[in-house]
């Protein structure tokens, strides 16, 4: 179903730039860290029967260890490790990884409510392109996988406020820049012409559906993260700082 004008305008306000067919799709920062930390916070008594305190401590700290944030500086937007503070840095290389046309980045989106699959859908829909993405290449922590399994939750549809998806002409270059900055990142797919949005996992291929409610809303305490707007998956956490 095609979005109406108002819904498309709302969607495009959540996406910076536009993907171009042929762009590499890069995921920067591990997915579902925000949702995993919330699961530990609200379900600790259940989880401590299964996992060690050290394991749960790591799961709570992972957003700042393996996530990213965006920083606005003099009209530019930079990608930084979530736990790194740059308040006293002068503009330039020390400010992070520049996301702009100058560096080959055609568009990007913060993965928030609805998880990384919601962000993929946003980028493709707002840009009017298709995509092919390999779920196995998306950066995800083992703590997230194991905790999500305990609650039968899909980590690809779970709160991911510390992950950014970007389209770029040079995915390997962006991944290498992230690696030097201490940011987990990977080329996970490609933007393509047409409307097909395909997800691969080994020999399994399926279409990327329009996003619905975040997986966290399946929990009794998860109602806070439900959205009632015309566009599912609208952002709930601002990680771009002036």
Protein backbone atom coordinates (compact mmCIF):
# COMPACT_ATOMS: atom_id res chain seq x y z
CA UNK A 1 0.00 0.00 0.00
CA UNK A 2 1.43 3.33 -1.09
CA UNK A 3 1.83 6.06 1.55
CA UNK A 4 -0.26 9.19 1.27
CA UNK A 5 1.32 12.61 0.98
CA UNK A 6 1.16 13.48 4.70
CA UNK A 7 2.54 10.10 5.73
CA UNK A 8 5.39 10.42 3.21
CA UNK A 9 6.22 13.90 4.46
CA UNK A 10 6.32 12.59 8.04
CA UNK A 11 8.53 9.70 6.95
CA UNK A 12 11.00 11.92 5.09
CA UNK A 13 11.45 14.07 8.18
CA UNK A 14 12.96 10.98 9.84
CA UNK A 15 15.42 10.26 7.04
CA UNK A 16 18.38 12.47 6.11
CA UNK A 17 19.03 12.51 2.36
CA UNK A 18 17.92 9.80 -0.06
CA UNK A 19 19.37 6.45 -1.06
CA UNK A 20 20.47 5.96 -4.65
CA UNK A 21 20.22 2.64 -6.48
CA UNK A 22 23.65 1.04 -6.25
CA UNK A 23 24.45 2.44 -2.79
CA UNK A 24 25.95 0.09 -0.24
CA UNK A 25 23.89 -0.20 2.95
CA UNK A 26 25.98 0.09 6.10
CA UNK A 27 24.86 -0.63 9.65
CA UNK A 28 26.93 1.29 12.22
CA UNK A 29 26.56 0.21 15.84
CA UNK A 30 25.16 -3.10 17.06
CA UNK A 31 21.40 -3.51 16.85
CA UNK A 32 18.83 -3.81 19.66
CA UNK A 33 21.18 -2.63 22.42
CA UNK A 34 18.60 -0.21 23.79
CA UNK A 35 15.89 -2.87 23.90
CA UNK A 36 18.23 -5.45 25.45
CA UNK A 37 19.23 -3.04 28.23
CA UNK A 38 15.54 -2.40 28.97
CA UNK A 39 14.87 -6.13 29.14
CA UNK A 40 17.62 -6.47 31.74
CA UNK A 41 16.27 -3.49 33.70
CA UNK A 42 12.68 -4.73 33.90
CA UNK A 43 13.21 -8.49 33.81
CA UNK A 44 16.36 -8.84 35.93
CA UNK A 45 14.81 -11.24 38.44
CA UNK A 46 13.86 -13.62 35.65
CA UNK A 47 17.14 -13.26 33.80
CA UNK A 48 19.42 -13.68 36.82
CA UNK A 49 18.10 -17.24 37.20
CA UNK A 50 19.61 -17.99 33.79
CA UNK A 51 22.55 -15.63 33.29
CA UNK A 52 25.42 -14.43 35.47
CA UNK A 53 25.47 -10.91 36.90
CA UNK A 54 28.49 -10.20 34.72
CA UNK A 55 26.55 -11.18 31.60
CA UNK A 56 23.64 -8.92 32.59
CA UNK A 57 25.98 -6.07 33.48
CA UNK A 58 27.55 -6.27 30.01
CA UNK A 59 24.10 -6.26 28.39
CA UNK A 60 23.22 -3.04 30.25
CA UNK A 61 26.53 -1.37 29.33
CA UNK A 62 26.56 -2.46 25.68
CA UNK A 63 24.70 0.63 24.36
CA UNK A 64 27.61 2.89 25.27
CA UNK A 65 30.25 0.31 24.35
CA UNK A 66 28.93 -0.83 20.96
CA UNK A 67 26.41 1.83 19.95
CA UNK A 68 26.72 5.13 18.11
CA UNK A 69 25.42 8.67 18.39
CA UNK A 70 25.16 11.57 15.97
CA UNK A 71 26.58 15.00 16.64
CA UNK A 72 25.67 18.22 14.81
CA UNK A 73 28.53 20.65 14.41
CA UNK A 74 28.61 23.77 12.23
CA UNK A 75 25.91 22.44 9.94
CA UNK A 76 27.53 19.02 9.59
CA UNK A 77 26.55 15.67 11.12
CA UNK A 78 29.19 13.34 12.55
CA UNK A 79 28.98 9.72 13.62
CA UNK A 80 30.60 8.92 16.98
CA UNK A 81 30.85 5.97 19.36
CA UNK A 82 27.99 6.32 21.85
CA UNK A 83 30.30 6.37 24.87
CA UNK A 84 32.80 8.88 23.46
CA UNK A 85 32.54 12.50 24.55
CA UNK A 86 33.89 15.14 22.18
CA UNK A 87 32.55 18.32 23.73
CA UNK A 88 35.91 20.05 23.85
CA UNK A 89 37.17 18.91 20.45
CA UNK A 90 37.68 21.40 17.65
CA UNK A 91 35.74 20.73 14.44
CA UNK A 92 37.52 18.30 12.14
CA UNK A 93 38.69 14.73 12.16
CA UNK A 94 38.43 14.40 15.94
CA UNK A 95 34.73 15.24 15.74
CA UNK A 96 33.85 11.84 14.24
CA UNK A 97 32.90 10.43 10.86
CA UNK A 98 31.29 13.01 8.57
CA UNK A 99 28.00 11.85 7.04
CA UNK A 100 27.45 13.95 3.92
CA UNK A 101 27.47 13.98 0.14
CA UNK A 102 31.13 15.07 0.37
CA UNK A 103 32.05 11.71 1.86
CA UNK A 104 29.75 9.70 -0.41
CA UNK A 105 26.90 9.26 2.08
CA UNK A 106 23.63 9.80 0.23
CA UNK A 107 21.25 9.16 3.14
CA UNK A 108 21.00 7.82 6.68
CA UNK A 109 18.48 6.98 9.37
CA UNK A 110 18.59 6.31 13.11
CA UNK A 111 17.23 2.88 13.97
CA UNK A 112 14.85 3.47 16.87
CA UNK A 113 11.43 1.97 17.57
CA UNK A 114 10.70 -0.99 15.34
CA UNK A 115 14.37 -1.90 15.17
CA UNK A 116 16.75 -2.15 12.26
CA UNK A 117 14.09 -3.56 9.91
CA UNK A 118 11.95 -0.50 10.49
CA UNK A 119 14.93 1.74 9.67
CA UNK A 120 15.63 -0.22 6.48
CA UNK A 121 12.01 0.21 5.42
CA UNK A 122 12.11 3.94 6.20
CA UNK A 123 15.25 4.48 4.12
CA UNK A 124 13.94 2.55 1.13
CA UNK A 125 10.40 3.98 1.23
CA UNK A 126 11.53 7.59 1.64
CA UNK A 127 14.02 7.14 -1.20
CA UNK A 128 11.74 5.28 -3.61
CA UNK A 129 14.17 2.39 -4.07
CA UNK A 130 14.32 -1.33 -3.42
CA UNK A 131 16.96 -3.10 -1.39
CA UNK A 132 18.67 -6.40 -0.72
CA UNK A 133 19.97 -7.00 2.82
CA UNK A 134 21.62 -9.98 4.50
CA UNK A 135 20.41 -10.37 8.10
CA UNK A 136 23.49 -12.43 8.99
CA UNK A 137 25.76 -9.45 8.30
CA UNK A 138 23.99 -7.06 10.68
CA UNK A 139 26.11 -6.40 13.82
CA UNK A 140 24.45 -7.94 16.88
CA UNK A 141 25.82 -8.85 20.30
CA UNK A 142 25.53 -12.36 21.72
CA UNK A 143 23.91 -10.93 24.87
CA UNK A 144 21.11 -9.55 22.70
CA UNK A 145 20.59 -12.84 20.88
CA UNK A 146 20.38 -14.92 24.06
CA UNK A 147 18.17 -12.51 26.02
CA UNK A 148 15.77 -12.09 23.09
CA UNK A 149 15.51 -15.87 22.79
CA UNK A 150 14.33 -16.08 26.41
CA UNK A 151 11.36 -13.82 25.64
CA UNK A 152 10.76 -15.01 22.06
CA UNK A 153 11.52 -11.55 20.66
CA UNK A 154 12.93 -10.68 17.24
CA UNK A 155 16.13 -8.60 17.75
CA UNK A 156 15.76 -7.14 14.25
CA UNK A 157 12.47 -5.51 15.34
CA UNK A 158 13.64 -4.41 18.79
CA UNK A 159 14.51 -0.90 20.02
CA UNK A 160 17.84 0.08 18.45
CA UNK A 161 18.42 3.71 19.36
CA UNK A 162 22.21 3.32 19.12
CA UNK A 163 22.32 2.09 15.52
CA UNK A 164 22.52 4.17 12.33
CA UNK A 165 21.85 2.87 8.82
CA UNK A 166 23.55 4.72 5.97
CA UNK A 167 23.62 4.49 2.19
CA UNK A 168 26.96 5.24 0.59
CA UNK A 169 28.84 4.76 -2.66
CA UNK A 170 31.78 3.35 -0.69
CA UNK A 171 30.51 0.97 1.96
CA UNK A 172 33.90 -0.59 2.67
CA UNK A 173 35.40 2.86 3.18
CA UNK A 174 32.72 3.82 5.70
CA UNK A 175 33.10 0.49 7.52
CA UNK A 176 36.87 1.00 7.73
CA UNK A 177 36.38 4.54 9.10
CA UNK A 178 34.01 3.10 11.71
CA UNK A 179 36.52 0.41 12.63
CA UNK A 180 39.23 3.03 13.21
CA UNK A 181 36.79 4.95 15.44
CA UNK A 182 35.95 1.83 17.45
CA UNK A 183 32.44 1.45 16.00
CA UNK A 184 31.11 -2.01 15.00
CA UNK A 185 29.90 -1.72 11.39
CA UNK A 186 29.29 -3.83 8.31
CA UNK A 187 28.03 -3.58 4.74
CA UNK A 188 24.72 -5.43 5.02
CA UNK A 189 23.29 -5.00 1.54
CA UNK A 190 22.58 -2.72 -1.37
CA UNK A 191 19.94 -0.29 -2.61
CA UNK A 192 18.50 -1.40 -5.96
CA UNK A 193 16.13 -0.09 -8.59
CA UNK A 194 12.48 -1.07 -8.36
CA UNK A 195 10.25 -1.68 -5.35
CA UNK A 196 11.37 -5.12 -4.15
CA UNK A 197 12.86 -5.11 -0.65
CA UNK A 198 14.39 -8.49 0.05
CA UNK A 199 15.90 -9.93 3.22
CA UNK A 200 18.30 -12.85 3.02
CA UNK A 201 19.26 -15.32 5.74
CA UNK A 202 21.18 -18.21 4.25
CA UNK A 203 18.92 -19.81 1.65
CA UNK A 204 15.81 -18.13 3.07
CA UNK A 205 14.56 -15.04 1.21
CA UNK A 206 11.60 -12.93 2.29
CA UNK A 207 10.13 -9.50 1.65
CA UNK A 208 10.66 -6.61 4.06
CA UNK A 209 7.21 -5.74 5.40
CA UNK A 210 5.96 -2.34 6.44
CA UNK A 211 6.91 -1.95 10.13
CA UNK A 212 4.51 -2.47 13.00
CA UNK A 213 4.86 -2.11 16.75
CA UNK A 214 8.23 -2.66 18.38
CA UNK A 215 8.90 -6.08 19.91
CA UNK A 216 9.29 -4.45 23.33
CA UNK A 217 5.54 -3.72 23.32
CA UNK A 218 4.87 -7.45 23.73
CA UNK A 219 6.00 -7.16 27.35
CA UNK A 220 3.48 -6.10 30.04
CA UNK A 221 5.53 -2.96 30.77
CA UNK A 222 6.21 -2.15 27.10
CA UNK A 223 3.15 0.01 26.35
CA UNK A 224 5.26 3.18 26.71
CA UNK A 225 6.91 2.39 23.38
CA UNK A 226 3.72 1.89 21.39
CA UNK A 227 2.96 4.36 18.63
CA UNK A 228 -0.51 5.50 17.57
CA UNK A 229 0.57 7.69 14.65
CA UNK A 230 -0.11 7.20 10.97
CA UNK A 231 3.45 6.02 10.54
CA UNK A 232 4.62 3.01 12.58
CA UNK A 233 8.04 3.08 14.18
CA UNK A 234 8.35 6.82 14.71
CA UNK A 235 11.44 7.77 16.64
CA UNK A 236 11.22 7.82 20.43
CA UNK A 237 14.80 8.68 21.36
CA UNK A 238 16.86 11.56 20.00
CA UNK A 239 20.52 10.64 19.71
CA UNK A 240 21.60 13.54 17.51
CA UNK A 241 23.16 16.17 19.77
CA UNK A 242 24.07 19.78 19.04
